[in-house]
Amino acid sequence: MRNVTGRQVLAYALVGFFIIGAAGNIMAPKTIAEEYARWGYPHWFHYVTGCLELISAVLMARSASRIIGSLLASCIMASAVATVVFHGEYSHAIAPLVVLGFLMLSVYLNRK
């Protein structure tokens, strides 16, 4: 049996987070669609976000592309932070900031 390392656990937790996020954005229940509209994004933009999240998850799932996936996911989270801060929804910035921190940790732990 293969030993599982902390960096793998972190990576797979992030993969799971981004798969769930992608599903939520692609399916976009009414609340998510309303948030995107409130922030001034086009009605289709949640599909872009969801697809980018899914691509990030796939890249992070493989060790060879984990850093690229983590960096793409970091851009997504930084954009989420910028969006909510710009609109004065400061408490909504906490979760993406925490995830951004975990992504940066993953990049650090997976560097060559």
PDB file of N, CA and C in Angstrom:
ATOM      1  N   MET A   1       0.846  -1.187   0.000  1.00  0.00           N
ATOM      2  CA  MET A   1       0.000   0.000   0.000  1.00  0.00           C
ATOM      3  C   MET A   1       0.885   1.241   0.000  1.00  0.00           C
ATOM      4  N   ARG A   2       0.488   2.221  -0.767  1.00  0.00           N
ATOM      5  CA  ARG A   2       1.244   3.452  -0.897  1.00  0.00           C
ATOM      6  C   ARG A   2       0.985   4.388   0.269  1.00  0.00           C
ATOM      7  N   ASN A   3       2.032   5.049   0.746  1.00  0.00           N
ATOM      8  CA  ASN A   3       1.869   6.034   1.811  1.00  0.00           C
ATOM      9  C   ASN A   3       1.277   7.316   1.234  1.00  0.00           C
ATOM     10  N   VAL A   4       0.297   7.855   1.915  1.00  0.00           N
ATOM     11  CA  VAL A   4      -0.320   9.109   1.509  1.00  0.00           C
ATOM     12  C   VAL A   4       0.315  10.225   2.335  1.00  0.00           C
ATOM     13  N   THR A   5       0.765  11.259   1.638  1.00  0.00           N
ATOM     14  CA  THR A   5       1.420  12.366   2.321  1.00  0.00           C
ATOM     15  C   THR A   5       0.425  13.495   2.590  1.00  0.00           C
ATOM     16  N   GLY A   6       0.817  14.397   3.458  1.00  0.00           N
ATOM     17  CA  GLY A   6      -0.010  15.562   3.765  1.00  0.00           C
ATOM     18  C   GLY A   6      -0.263  16.417   2.537  1.00  0.00           C
ATOM     19  N   ARG A   7       0.733  16.536   1.680  1.00  0.00           N
ATOM     20  CA  ARG A   7       0.526  17.360   0.476  1.00  0.00           C
ATOM     21  C   ARG A   7      -0.483  16.725  -0.466  1.00  0.00           C
ATOM     22  N   GLN A   8      -0.540  15.377  -0.494  1.00  0.00           N
ATOM     23  CA  GLN A   8      -1.554  14.707  -1.320  1.00  0.00           C
ATOM     24  C   GLN A   8      -2.947  14.903  -0.739  1.00  0.00           C
ATOM     25  N   VAL A   9      -3.058  14.803   0.579  1.00  0.00           N
ATOM     26  CA  VAL A   9      -4.349  15.014   1.237  1.00  0.00           C
ATOM     27  C   VAL A   9      -4.838  16.433   0.951  1.00  0.00           C
ATOM     28  N   LEU A  10      -3.942  17.413   1.087  1.00  0.00           N
ATOM     29  CA  LEU A  10      -4.299  18.798   0.801  1.00  0.00           C
ATOM     30  C   LEU A  10      -4.732  18.954  -0.658  1.00  0.00           C
ATOM     31  N   ALA A  11      -3.963  18.371  -1.560  1.00  0.00           N
ATOM     32  CA  ALA A  11      -4.284  18.476  -2.985  1.00  0.00           C
ATOM     33  C   ALA A  11      -5.649  17.876  -3.282  1.00  0.00           C
ATOM     34  N   TYR A  12      -5.931  16.700  -2.753  1.00  0.00           N
ATOM     35  CA  TYR A  12      -7.213  16.059  -3.038  1.00  0.00           C
ATOM     36  C   TYR A  12      -8.374  16.767  -2.352  1.00  0.00           C
ATOM     37  N   ALA A  13      -8.138  17.366  -1.212  1.00  0.00           N
ATOM     38  CA  ALA A  13      -9.184  18.183  -0.580  1.00  0.00           C
ATOM     39  C   ALA A  13      -9.503  19.389  -1.465  1.00  0.00           C
ATOM     40  N   LEU A  14      -8.469  20.005  -2.024  1.00  0.00           N
ATOM     41  CA  LEU A  14      -8.678  21.131  -2.936  1.00  0.00           C
ATOM     42  C   LEU A  14      -9.376  20.682  -4.221  1.00  0.00           C
ATOM     43  N   VAL A  15      -9.006  19.509  -4.726  1.00  0.00           N
ATOM     44  CA  VAL A  15      -9.680  18.961  -5.909  1.00  0.00           C
ATOM     45  C   VAL A  15     -11.177  18.810  -5.616  1.00  0.00           C
ATOM     46  N   GLY A  16     -11.503  18.230  -4.481  1.00  0.00           N
ATOM     47  CA  GLY A  16     -12.912  18.062  -4.100  1.00  0.00           C
ATOM     48  C   GLY A  16     -13.632  19.393  -3.979  1.00  0.00           C
ATOM     49  N   PHE A  17     -12.983  20.363  -3.353  1.00  0.00           N
ATOM     50  CA  PHE A  17     -13.570  21.693  -3.206  1.00  0.00           C
ATOM     51  C   PHE A  17     -13.891  22.300  -4.569  1.00  0.00           C
ATOM     52  N   PHE A  18     -12.946  22.190  -5.506  1.00  0.00           N
ATOM     53  CA  PHE A  18     -13.150  22.807  -6.812  1.00  0.00           C
ATOM     54  C   PHE A  18     -14.130  22.024  -7.690  1.00  0.00           C
ATOM     55  N   ILE A  19     -14.236  20.731  -7.492  1.00  0.00           N
ATOM     56  CA  ILE A  19     -15.263  19.972  -8.216  1.00  0.00           C
ATOM     57  C   ILE A  19     -16.656  20.394  -7.737  1.00  0.00           C
ATOM     58  N   ILE A  20     -16.813  20.514  -6.438  1.00  0.00           N
ATOM     59  CA  ILE A  20     -18.098  20.960  -5.891  1.00  0.00           C
ATOM     60  C   ILE A  20     -18.408  22.384  -6.347  1.00  0.00           C
ATOM     61  N   GLY A  21     -17.391  23.260  -6.304  1.00  0.00           N
ATOM     62  CA  GLY A  21     -17.585  24.637  -6.767  1.00  0.00           C
ATOM     63  C   GLY A  21     -17.948  24.699  -8.235  1.00  0.00           C
ATOM     64  N   ALA A  22     -17.278  23.865  -9.041  1.00  0.00           N
ATOM     65  CA  ALA A  22     -17.569  23.829 -10.480  1.00  0.00           C
ATOM     66  C   ALA A  22     -19.006  23.388 -10.721  1.00  0.00           C
ATOM     67  N   ALA A  23     -19.423  22.354 -10.031  1.00  0.00           N
ATOM     68  CA  ALA A  23     -20.801  21.861 -10.197  1.00  0.00           C
ATOM     69  C   ALA A  23     -21.805  22.947  -9.824  1.00  0.00           C
ATOM     70  N   GLY A  24     -21.549  23.635  -8.729  1.00  0.00           N
ATOM     71  CA  GLY A  24     -22.451  24.713  -8.301  1.00  0.00           C
ATOM     72  C   GLY A  24     -22.521  25.841  -9.300  1.00  0.00           C
ATOM     73  N   ASN A  25     -21.377  26.213  -9.863  1.00  0.00           N
ATOM     74  CA  ASN A  25     -21.370  27.309 -10.828  1.00  0.00           C
ATOM     75  C   ASN A  25     -21.940  26.895 -12.183  1.00  0.00           C
ATOM     76  N   ILE A  26     -21.678  25.681 -12.601  1.00  0.00           N
ATOM     77  CA  ILE A  26     -22.203  25.238 -13.896  1.00  0.00           C
ATOM     78  C   ILE A  26     -23.724  25.057 -13.827  1.00  0.00           C
ATOM     79  N   MET A  27     -24.197  24.460 -12.744  1.00  0.00           N
ATOM     80  CA  MET A  27     -25.647  24.276 -12.601  1.00  0.00           C
ATOM     81  C   MET A  27     -26.330  25.575 -12.191  1.00  0.00           C
ATOM     82  N   ALA A  28     -25.622  26.433 -11.512  1.00  0.00           N
ATOM     83  CA  ALA A  28     -26.063  27.772 -11.098  1.00  0.00           C
ATOM     84  C   ALA A  28     -27.504  27.840 -10.614  1.00  0.00           C
ATOM     85  N   PRO A  29     -27.743  27.375  -9.384  1.00  0.00           N
ATOM     86  CA  PRO A  29     -29.080  27.591  -8.835  1.00  0.00           C
ATOM     87  C   PRO A  29     -29.386  29.096  -8.805  1.00  0.00           C
ATOM     88  N   LYS A  30     -30.622  29.418  -8.589  1.00  0.00           N
ATOM     89  CA  LYS A  30     -31.085  30.806  -8.641  1.00  0.00           C
ATOM     90  C   LYS A  30     -30.226  31.750  -7.801  1.00  0.00           C
ATOM     91  N   THR A  31     -29.817  31.316  -6.611  1.00  0.00           N
ATOM     92  CA  THR A  31     -29.030  32.195  -5.734  1.00  0.00           C
ATOM     93  C   THR A  31     -27.682  32.556  -6.354  1.00  0.00           C
ATOM     94  N   ILE A  32     -27.039  31.587  -6.981  1.00  0.00           N
ATOM     95  CA  ILE A  32     -25.746  31.856  -7.615  1.00  0.00           C
ATOM     96  C   ILE A  32     -25.929  32.763  -8.825  1.00  0.00           C
ATOM     97  N   ALA A  33     -26.927  32.493  -9.640  1.00  0.00           N
ATOM     98  CA  ALA A  33     -27.204  33.339 -10.803  1.00  0.00           C
ATOM     99  C   ALA A  33     -27.503  34.772 -10.368  1.00  0.00           C
ATOM    100  N   GLU A  34     -28.228  34.926  -9.283  1.00  0.00           N
ATOM    101  CA  GLU A  34     -28.549  36.264  -8.767  1.00  0.00           C
ATOM    102  C   GLU A  34     -27.296  36.987  -8.273  1.00  0.00           C
ATOM    103  N   GLU A  35     -26.381  36.241  -7.641  1.00  0.00           N
ATOM    104  CA  GLU A  35     -25.128  36.867  -7.186  1.00  0.00           C
ATOM    105  C   GLU A  35     -24.320  37.375  -8.367  1.00  0.00           C
ATOM    106  N   TYR A  36     -24.159  36.557  -9.392  1.00  0.00           N
ATOM    107  CA  TYR A  36     -23.412  36.986 -10.579  1.00  0.00           C
ATOM    108  C   TYR A  36     -24.052  38.231 -11.199  1.00  0.00           C
ATOM    109  N   ALA A  37     -25.378  38.264 -11.260  1.00  0.00           N
ATOM    110  CA  ALA A  37     -26.084  39.430 -11.806  1.00  0.00           C
ATOM    111  C   ALA A  37     -25.846  40.657 -10.925  1.00  0.00           C
ATOM    112  N   ARG A  38     -25.923  40.480  -9.606  1.00  0.00           N
ATOM    113  CA  ARG A  38     -25.711  41.586  -8.669  1.00  0.00           C
ATOM    114  C   ARG A  38     -24.307  42.161  -8.811  1.00  0.00           C
ATOM    115  N   TRP A  39     -23.334  41.299  -9.108  1.00  0.00           N
ATOM    116  CA  TRP A  39     -21.958  41.754  -9.261  1.00  0.00           C
ATOM    117  C   TRP A  39     -21.679  42.335 -10.640  1.00  0.00           C
ATOM    118  N   GLY A  40     -22.671  42.269 -11.536  1.00  0.00           N
ATOM    119  CA  GLY A  40     -22.526  42.880 -12.850  1.00  0.00           C
ATOM    120  C   GLY A  40     -21.912  41.990 -13.919  1.00  0.00           C
ATOM    121  N   TYR A  41     -21.821  40.706 -13.660  1.00  0.00           N
ATOM    122  CA  TYR A  41     -21.276  39.793 -14.665  1.00  0.00           C
ATOM    123  C   TYR A  41     -22.364  39.403 -15.662  1.00  0.00           C
ATOM    124  N   PRO A  42     -21.968  39.041 -16.887  1.00  0.00           N
ATOM    125  CA  PRO A  42     -22.964  38.581 -17.863  1.00  0.00           C
ATOM    126  C   PRO A  42     -23.651  37.300 -17.372  1.00  0.00           C
ATOM    127  N   HIS A  43     -24.865  37.057 -17.864  1.00  0.00           N
ATOM    128  CA  HIS A  43     -25.673  35.926 -17.382  1.00  0.00           C
ATOM    129  C   HIS A  43     -24.991  34.577 -17.604  1.00  0.00           C
ATOM    130  N   TRP A  44     -24.039  34.491 -18.511  1.00  0.00           N
ATOM    131  CA  TRP A  44     -23.365  33.229 -18.839  1.00  0.00           C
ATOM    132  C   TRP A  44     -22.031  33.059 -18.099  1.00  0.00           C
ATOM    133  N   PHE A  45     -21.617  34.049 -17.344  1.00  0.00           N
ATOM    134  CA  PHE A  45     -20.266  34.032 -16.776  1.00  0.00           C
ATOM    135  C   PHE A  45     -20.059  32.919 -15.747  1.00  0.00           C
ATOM    136  N   HIS A  46     -21.123  32.466 -15.113  1.00  0.00           N
ATOM    137  CA  HIS A  46     -20.982  31.380 -14.133  1.00  0.00           C
ATOM    138  C   HIS A  46     -20.485  30.107 -14.817  1.00  0.00           C
ATOM    139  N   TYR A  47     -20.784  29.943 -16.117  1.00  0.00           N
ATOM    140  CA  TYR A  47     -20.269  28.788 -16.856  1.00  0.00           C
ATOM    141  C   TYR A  47     -18.749  28.882 -17.009  1.00  0.00           C
ATOM    142  N   VAL A  48     -18.264  30.078 -17.269  1.00  0.00           N
ATOM    143  CA  VAL A  48     -16.814  30.291 -17.390  1.00  0.00           C
ATOM    144  C   VAL A  48     -16.134  29.939 -16.078  1.00  0.00           C
ATOM    145  N   THR A  49     -16.675  30.468 -14.990  1.00  0.00           N
ATOM    146  CA  THR A  49     -16.105  30.186 -13.671  1.00  0.00           C
ATOM    147  C   THR A  49     -16.125  28.692 -13.376  1.00  0.00           C
ATOM    148  N   GLY A  50     -17.259  28.051 -13.612  1.00  0.00           N
ATOM    149  CA  GLY A  50     -17.376  26.618 -13.350  1.00  0.00           C
ATOM    150  C   GLY A  50     -16.413  25.791 -14.179  1.00  0.00           C
ATOM    151  N   CYS A  51     -16.263  26.132 -15.447  1.00  0.00           N
ATOM    152  CA  CYS A  51     -15.337  25.388 -16.313  1.00  0.00           C
ATOM    153  C   CYS A  51     -13.891  25.585 -15.867  1.00  0.00           C
ATOM    154  N   LEU A  52     -13.547  26.797 -15.487  1.00  0.00           N
ATOM    155  CA  LEU A  52     -12.184  27.048 -14.991  1.00  0.00           C
ATOM    156  C   LEU A  52     -11.930  26.296 -13.683  1.00  0.00           C
ATOM    157  N   GLU A  53     -12.936  26.239 -12.828  1.00  0.00           N
ATOM    158  CA  GLU A  53     -12.791  25.478 -11.585  1.00  0.00           C
ATOM    159  C   GLU A  53     -12.607  23.991 -11.878  1.00  0.00           C
ATOM    160  N   LEU A  54     -13.349  23.485 -12.829  1.00  0.00           N
ATOM    161  CA  LEU A  54     -13.225  22.074 -13.195  1.00  0.00           C
ATOM    162  C   LEU A  54     -11.853  21.782 -13.801  1.00  0.00           C
ATOM    163  N   ILE A  55     -11.381  22.650 -14.658  1.00  0.00           N
ATOM    164  CA  ILE A  55     -10.039  22.489 -15.233  1.00  0.00           C
ATOM    165  C   ILE A  55      -8.990  22.510 -14.125  1.00  0.00           C
ATOM    166  N   SER A  56      -9.137  23.421 -13.181  1.00  0.00           N
ATOM    167  CA  SER A  56      -8.210  23.488 -12.045  1.00  0.00           C
ATOM    168  C   SER A  56      -8.193  22.181 -11.265  1.00  0.00           C
ATOM    169  N   ALA A  57      -9.374  21.638 -11.008  1.00  0.00           N
ATOM    170  CA  ALA A  57      -9.476  20.382 -10.248  1.00  0.00           C
ATOM    171  C   ALA A  57      -8.772  19.246 -10.978  1.00  0.00           C
ATOM    172  N   VAL A  58      -9.002  19.156 -12.278  1.00  0.00           N
ATOM    173  CA  VAL A  58      -8.367  18.091 -13.066  1.00  0.00           C
ATOM    174  C   VAL A  58      -6.848  18.252 -13.038  1.00  0.00           C
ATOM    175  N   LEU A  59      -6.375  19.469 -13.201  1.00  0.00           N
ATOM    176  CA  LEU A  59      -4.924  19.698 -13.172  1.00  0.00           C
ATOM    177  C   LEU A  59      -4.328  19.403 -11.794  1.00  0.00           C
ATOM    178  N   MET A  60      -5.041  19.765 -10.736  1.00  0.00           N
ATOM    179  CA  MET A  60      -4.529  19.519  -9.382  1.00  0.00           C
ATOM    180  C   MET A  60      -4.551  18.043  -9.007  1.00  0.00           C
ATOM    181  N   ALA A  61      -5.378  17.263  -9.670  1.00  0.00           N
ATOM    182  CA  ALA A  61      -5.480  15.838  -9.341  1.00  0.00           C
ATOM    183  C   ALA A  61      -4.227  15.064  -9.728  1.00  0.00           C
ATOM    184  N   ARG A  62      -3.490  15.568 -10.688  1.00  0.00           N
ATOM    185  CA  ARG A  62      -2.254  14.894 -11.134  1.00  0.00           C
ATOM    186  C   ARG A  62      -1.050  15.643 -10.586  1.00  0.00           C
ATOM    187  N   SER A  63      -0.118  14.924 -10.021  1.00  0.00           N
ATOM    188  CA  SER A  63       1.057  15.575  -9.431  1.00  0.00           C
ATOM    189  C   SER A  63       1.866  16.347 -10.469  1.00  0.00           C
ATOM    190  N   ALA A  64       1.892  15.863 -11.720  1.00  0.00           N
ATOM    191  CA  ALA A  64       2.678  16.525 -12.762  1.00  0.00           C
ATOM    192  C   ALA A  64       2.135  17.909 -13.106  1.00  0.00           C
ATOM    193  N   SER A  65       0.836  18.133 -12.918  1.00  0.00           N
ATOM    194  CA  SER A  65       0.244  19.426 -13.269  1.00  0.00           C
ATOM    195  C   SER A  65      -0.351  20.148 -12.059  1.00  0.00           C
ATOM    196  N   ARG A  66      -0.022  19.665 -10.873  1.00  0.00           N
ATOM    197  CA  ARG A  66      -0.624  20.204  -9.649  1.00  0.00           C
ATOM    198  C   ARG A  66      -0.321  21.683  -9.446  1.00  0.00           C
ATOM    199  N   ILE A  67       0.897  22.092  -9.706  1.00  0.00           N
ATOM    200  CA  ILE A  67       1.245  23.504  -9.487  1.00  0.00           C
ATOM    201  C   ILE A  67       0.475  24.400 -10.451  1.00  0.00           C
ATOM    202  N   ILE A  68       0.396  24.007 -11.717  1.00  0.00           N
ATOM    203  CA  ILE A  68      -0.357  24.795 -12.701  1.00  0.00           C
ATOM    204  C   ILE A  68      -1.821  24.887 -12.284  1.00  0.00           C
ATOM    205  N   GLY A  69      -2.393  23.770 -11.887  1.00  0.00           N
ATOM    206  CA  GLY A  69      -3.792  23.758 -11.440  1.00  0.00           C
ATOM    207  C   GLY A  69      -4.002  24.630 -10.215  1.00  0.00           C
ATOM    208  N   SER A  70      -3.051  24.574  -9.278  1.00  0.00           N
ATOM    209  CA  SER A  70      -3.151  25.396  -8.068  1.00  0.00           C
ATOM    210  C   SER A  70      -3.033  26.880  -8.398  1.00  0.00           C
ATOM    211  N   LEU A  71      -2.183  27.217  -9.358  1.00  0.00           N
ATOM    212  CA  LEU A  71      -2.040  28.620  -9.748  1.00  0.00           C
ATOM    213  C   LEU A  71      -3.287  29.130 -10.472  1.00  0.00           C
ATOM    214  N   LEU A  72      -3.866  28.295 -11.334  1.00  0.00           N
ATOM    215  CA  LEU A  72      -5.120  28.677 -11.989  1.00  0.00           C
ATOM    216  C   LEU A  72      -6.222  28.863 -10.948  1.00  0.00           C
ATOM    217  N   ALA A  73      -6.315  27.927 -10.028  1.00  0.00           N
ATOM    218  CA  ALA A  73      -7.317  28.024  -8.961  1.00  0.00           C
ATOM    219  C   ALA A  73      -7.072  29.261  -8.094  1.00  0.00           C
ATOM    220  N   SER A  74      -5.809  29.609  -7.886  1.00  0.00           N
ATOM    221  CA  SER A  74      -5.482  30.813  -7.120  1.00  0.00           C
ATOM    222  C   SER A  74      -5.993  32.064  -7.821  1.00  0.00           C
ATOM    223  N   CYS A  75      -5.873  32.098  -9.131  1.00  0.00           N
ATOM    224  CA  CYS A  75      -6.408  33.235  -9.901  1.00  0.00           C
ATOM    225  C   CYS A  75      -7.924  33.332  -9.738  1.00  0.00           C
ATOM    226  N   ILE A  76      -8.580  32.192  -9.737  1.00  0.00           N
ATOM    227  CA  ILE A  76     -10.033  32.168  -9.555  1.00  0.00           C
ATOM    228  C   ILE A  76     -10.401  32.703  -8.175  1.00  0.00           C
ATOM    229  N   MET A  77      -9.694  32.242  -7.152  1.00  0.00           N
ATOM    230  CA  MET A  77      -9.983  32.689  -5.791  1.00  0.00           C
ATOM    231  C   MET A  77      -9.645  34.167  -5.601  1.00  0.00           C
ATOM    232  N   ALA A  78      -8.540  34.615  -6.200  1.00  0.00           N
ATOM    233  CA  ALA A  78      -8.181  36.036  -6.109  1.00  0.00           C
ATOM    234  C   ALA A  78      -9.252  36.886  -6.786  1.00  0.00           C
ATOM    235  N   SER A  79      -9.794  36.402  -7.886  1.00  0.00           N
ATOM    236  CA  SER A  79     -10.878  37.115  -8.572  1.00  0.00           C
ATOM    237  C   SER A  79     -12.137  37.149  -7.716  1.00  0.00           C
ATOM    238  N   ALA A  80     -12.413  36.057  -7.030  1.00  0.00           N
ATOM    239  CA  ALA A  80     -13.578  36.016  -6.134  1.00  0.00           C
ATOM    240  C   ALA A  80     -13.411  37.032  -5.009  1.00  0.00           C
ATOM    241  N   VAL A  81     -12.213  37.077  -4.439  1.00  0.00           N
ATOM    242  CA  VAL A  81     -11.940  38.052  -3.373  1.00  0.00           C
ATOM    243  C   VAL A  81     -12.117  39.470  -3.906  1.00  0.00           C
ATOM    244  N   ALA A  82     -11.529  39.755  -5.059  1.00  0.00           N
ATOM    245  CA  ALA A  82     -11.626  41.095  -5.642  1.00  0.00           C
ATOM    246  C   ALA A  82     -13.082  41.477  -5.898  1.00  0.00           C
ATOM    247  N   THR A  83     -13.866  40.530  -6.394  1.00  0.00           N
ATOM    248  CA  THR A  83     -15.278  40.801  -6.699  1.00  0.00           C
ATOM    249  C   THR A  83     -16.044  41.196  -5.447  1.00  0.00           C
ATOM    250  N   VAL A  84     -15.938  40.390  -4.404  1.00  0.00           N
ATOM    251  CA  VAL A  84     -16.737  40.669  -3.208  1.00  0.00           C
ATOM    252  C   VAL A  84     -16.231  41.893  -2.461  1.00  0.00           C
ATOM    253  N   VAL A  85     -14.925  42.109  -2.452  1.00  0.00           N
ATOM    254  CA  VAL A  85     -14.382  43.299  -1.792  1.00  0.00           C
ATOM    255  C   VAL A  85     -14.819  44.556  -2.548  1.00  0.00           C
ATOM    256  N   PHE A  86     -14.737  44.511  -3.876  1.00  0.00           N
ATOM    257  CA  PHE A  86     -15.164  45.646  -4.699  1.00  0.00           C
ATOM    258  C   PHE A  86     -16.621  46.016  -4.417  1.00  0.00           C
ATOM    259  N   HIS A  87     -17.433  45.007  -4.131  1.00  0.00           N
ATOM    260  CA  HIS A  87     -18.855  45.242  -3.863  1.00  0.00           C
ATOM    261  C   HIS A  87     -19.169  45.380  -2.373  1.00  0.00           C
ATOM    262  N   GLY A  88     -18.133  45.511  -1.566  1.00  0.00           N
ATOM    263  CA  GLY A  88     -18.319  45.760  -0.142  1.00  0.00           C
ATOM    264  C   GLY A  88     -18.822  44.581   0.653  1.00  0.00           C
ATOM    265  N   GLU A  89     -18.722  43.386   0.120  1.00  0.00           N
ATOM    266  CA  GLU A  89     -19.181  42.181   0.817  1.00  0.00           C
ATOM    267  C   GLU A  89     -17.974  41.509   1.486  1.00  0.00           C
ATOM    268  N   TYR A  90     -17.391  42.220   2.432  1.00  0.00           N
ATOM    269  CA  TYR A  90     -16.117  41.815   3.017  1.00  0.00           C
ATOM    270  C   TYR A  90     -16.153  40.446   3.690  1.00  0.00           C
ATOM    271  N   SER A  91     -17.243  40.127   4.352  1.00  0.00           N
ATOM    272  CA  SER A  91     -17.306  38.831   5.033  1.00  0.00           C
ATOM    273  C   SER A  91     -17.297  37.671   4.029  1.00  0.00           C
ATOM    274  N   HIS A  92     -17.729  37.924   2.800  1.00  0.00           N
ATOM    275  CA  HIS A  92     -17.704  36.885   1.772  1.00  0.00           C
ATOM    276  C   HIS A  92     -16.302  36.642   1.230  1.00  0.00           C
ATOM    277  N   ALA A  93     -15.352  37.480   1.617  1.00  0.00           N
ATOM    278  CA  ALA A  93     -13.972  37.303   1.158  1.00  0.00           C
ATOM    279  C   ALA A  93     -13.210  36.293   2.011  1.00  0.00           C
ATOM    280  N   ILE A  94     -13.730  35.960   3.166  1.00  0.00           N
ATOM    281  CA  ILE A  94     -12.995  35.088   4.093  1.00  0.00           C
ATOM    282  C   ILE A  94     -12.755  33.701   3.497  1.00  0.00           C
ATOM    283  N   ALA A  95     -13.806  33.051   3.017  1.00  0.00           N
ATOM    284  CA  ALA A  95     -13.653  31.689   2.485  1.00  0.00           C
ATOM    285  C   ALA A  95     -12.680  31.637   1.306  1.00  0.00           C
ATOM    286  N   PRO A  96     -12.822  32.512   0.287  1.00  0.00           N
ATOM    287  CA  PRO A  96     -11.846  32.441  -0.804  1.00  0.00           C
ATOM    288  C   PRO A  96     -10.425  32.776  -0.371  1.00  0.00           C
ATOM    289  N   LEU A  97     -10.279  33.623   0.638  1.00  0.00           N
ATOM    290  CA  LEU A  97      -8.936  33.917   1.147  1.00  0.00           C
ATOM    291  C   LEU A  97      -8.321  32.697   1.825  1.00  0.00           C
ATOM    292  N   VAL A  98      -9.139  31.957   2.573  1.00  0.00           N
ATOM    293  CA  VAL A  98      -8.645  30.730   3.222  1.00  0.00           C
ATOM    294  C   VAL A  98      -8.237  29.713   2.158  1.00  0.00           C
ATOM    295  N   VAL A  99      -9.090  29.527   1.150  1.00  0.00           N
ATOM    296  CA  VAL A  99      -8.775  28.583   0.070  1.00  0.00           C
ATOM    297  C   VAL A  99      -7.522  29.046  -0.672  1.00  0.00           C
ATOM    298  N   LEU A 100      -7.401  30.341  -0.910  1.00  0.00           N
ATOM    299  CA  LEU A 100      -6.211  30.883  -1.559  1.00  0.00           C
ATOM    300  C   LEU A 100      -4.954  30.558  -0.745  1.00  0.00           C
ATOM    301  N   GLY A 101      -5.053  30.649   0.568  1.00  0.00           N
ATOM    302  CA  GLY A 101      -3.925  30.279   1.429  1.00  0.00           C
ATOM    303  C   GLY A 101      -3.563  28.809   1.286  1.00  0.00           C
ATOM    304  N   PHE A 102      -4.573  27.946   1.249  1.00  0.00           N
ATOM    305  CA  PHE A 102      -4.312  26.514   1.063  1.00  0.00           C
ATOM    306  C   PHE A 102      -3.718  26.225  -0.318  1.00  0.00           C
ATOM    307  N   LEU A 103      -4.161  26.951  -1.312  1.00  0.00           N
ATOM    308  CA  LEU A 103      -3.598  26.780  -2.659  1.00  0.00           C
ATOM    309  C   LEU A 103      -2.126  27.185  -2.690  1.00  0.00           C
ATOM    310  N   MET A 104      -1.797  28.277  -2.033  1.00  0.00           N
ATOM    311  CA  MET A 104      -0.398  28.717  -1.993  1.00  0.00           C
ATOM    312  C   MET A 104       0.455  27.708  -1.221  1.00  0.00           C
ATOM    313  N   LEU A 105      -0.120  27.126  -0.167  1.00  0.00           N
ATOM    314  CA  LEU A 105       0.575  26.076   0.573  1.00  0.00           C
ATOM    315  C   LEU A 105       0.810  24.874  -0.326  1.00  0.00           C
ATOM    316  N   SER A 106      -0.176  24.522  -1.122  1.00  0.00           N
ATOM    317  CA  SER A 106      -0.037  23.394  -2.048  1.00  0.00           C
ATOM    318  C   SER A 106       1.062  23.665  -3.074  1.00  0.00           C
ATOM    319  N   VAL A 107       1.105  24.869  -3.599  1.00  0.00           N
ATOM    320  CA  VAL A 107       2.183  25.227  -4.532  1.00  0.00           C
ATOM    321  C   VAL A 107       3.536  25.069  -3.858  1.00  0.00           C
ATOM    322  N   TYR A 108       3.655  25.568  -2.640  1.00  0.00           N
ATOM    323  CA  TYR A 108       4.907  25.491  -1.891  1.00  0.00           C
ATOM    324  C   TYR A 108       5.303  24.022  -1.648  1.00  0.00           C
ATOM    325  N   LEU A 109       4.361  23.215  -1.207  1.00  0.00           N
ATOM    326  CA  LEU A 109       4.661  21.821  -0.875  1.00  0.00           C
ATOM    327  C   LEU A 109       4.981  20.965  -2.105  1.00  0.00           C
ATOM    328  N   ASN A 110       4.500  21.369  -3.271  1.00  0.00           N
ATOM    329  CA  ASN A 110       4.691  20.575  -4.486  1.00  0.00           C
ATOM    330  C   ASN A 110       5.786  21.107  -5.406  1.00  0.00           C
ATOM    331  N   ARG A 111       6.478  22.151  -4.959  1.00  0.00           N
ATOM    332  CA  ARG A 111       7.554  22.685  -5.792  1.00  0.00           C
ATOM    333  C   ARG A 111       8.660  21.657  -5.938  1.00  0.00           C
ATOM    334  N   LYS A 112       9.402  21.755  -7.006  1.00  0.00           N
ATOM    335  CA  LYS A 112      10.470  20.785  -7.262  1.00  0.00           C
ATOM    336  C   LYS A 112      11.786  21.291  -6.722  1.00  0.00           C
TER     337      LYS A 112
END
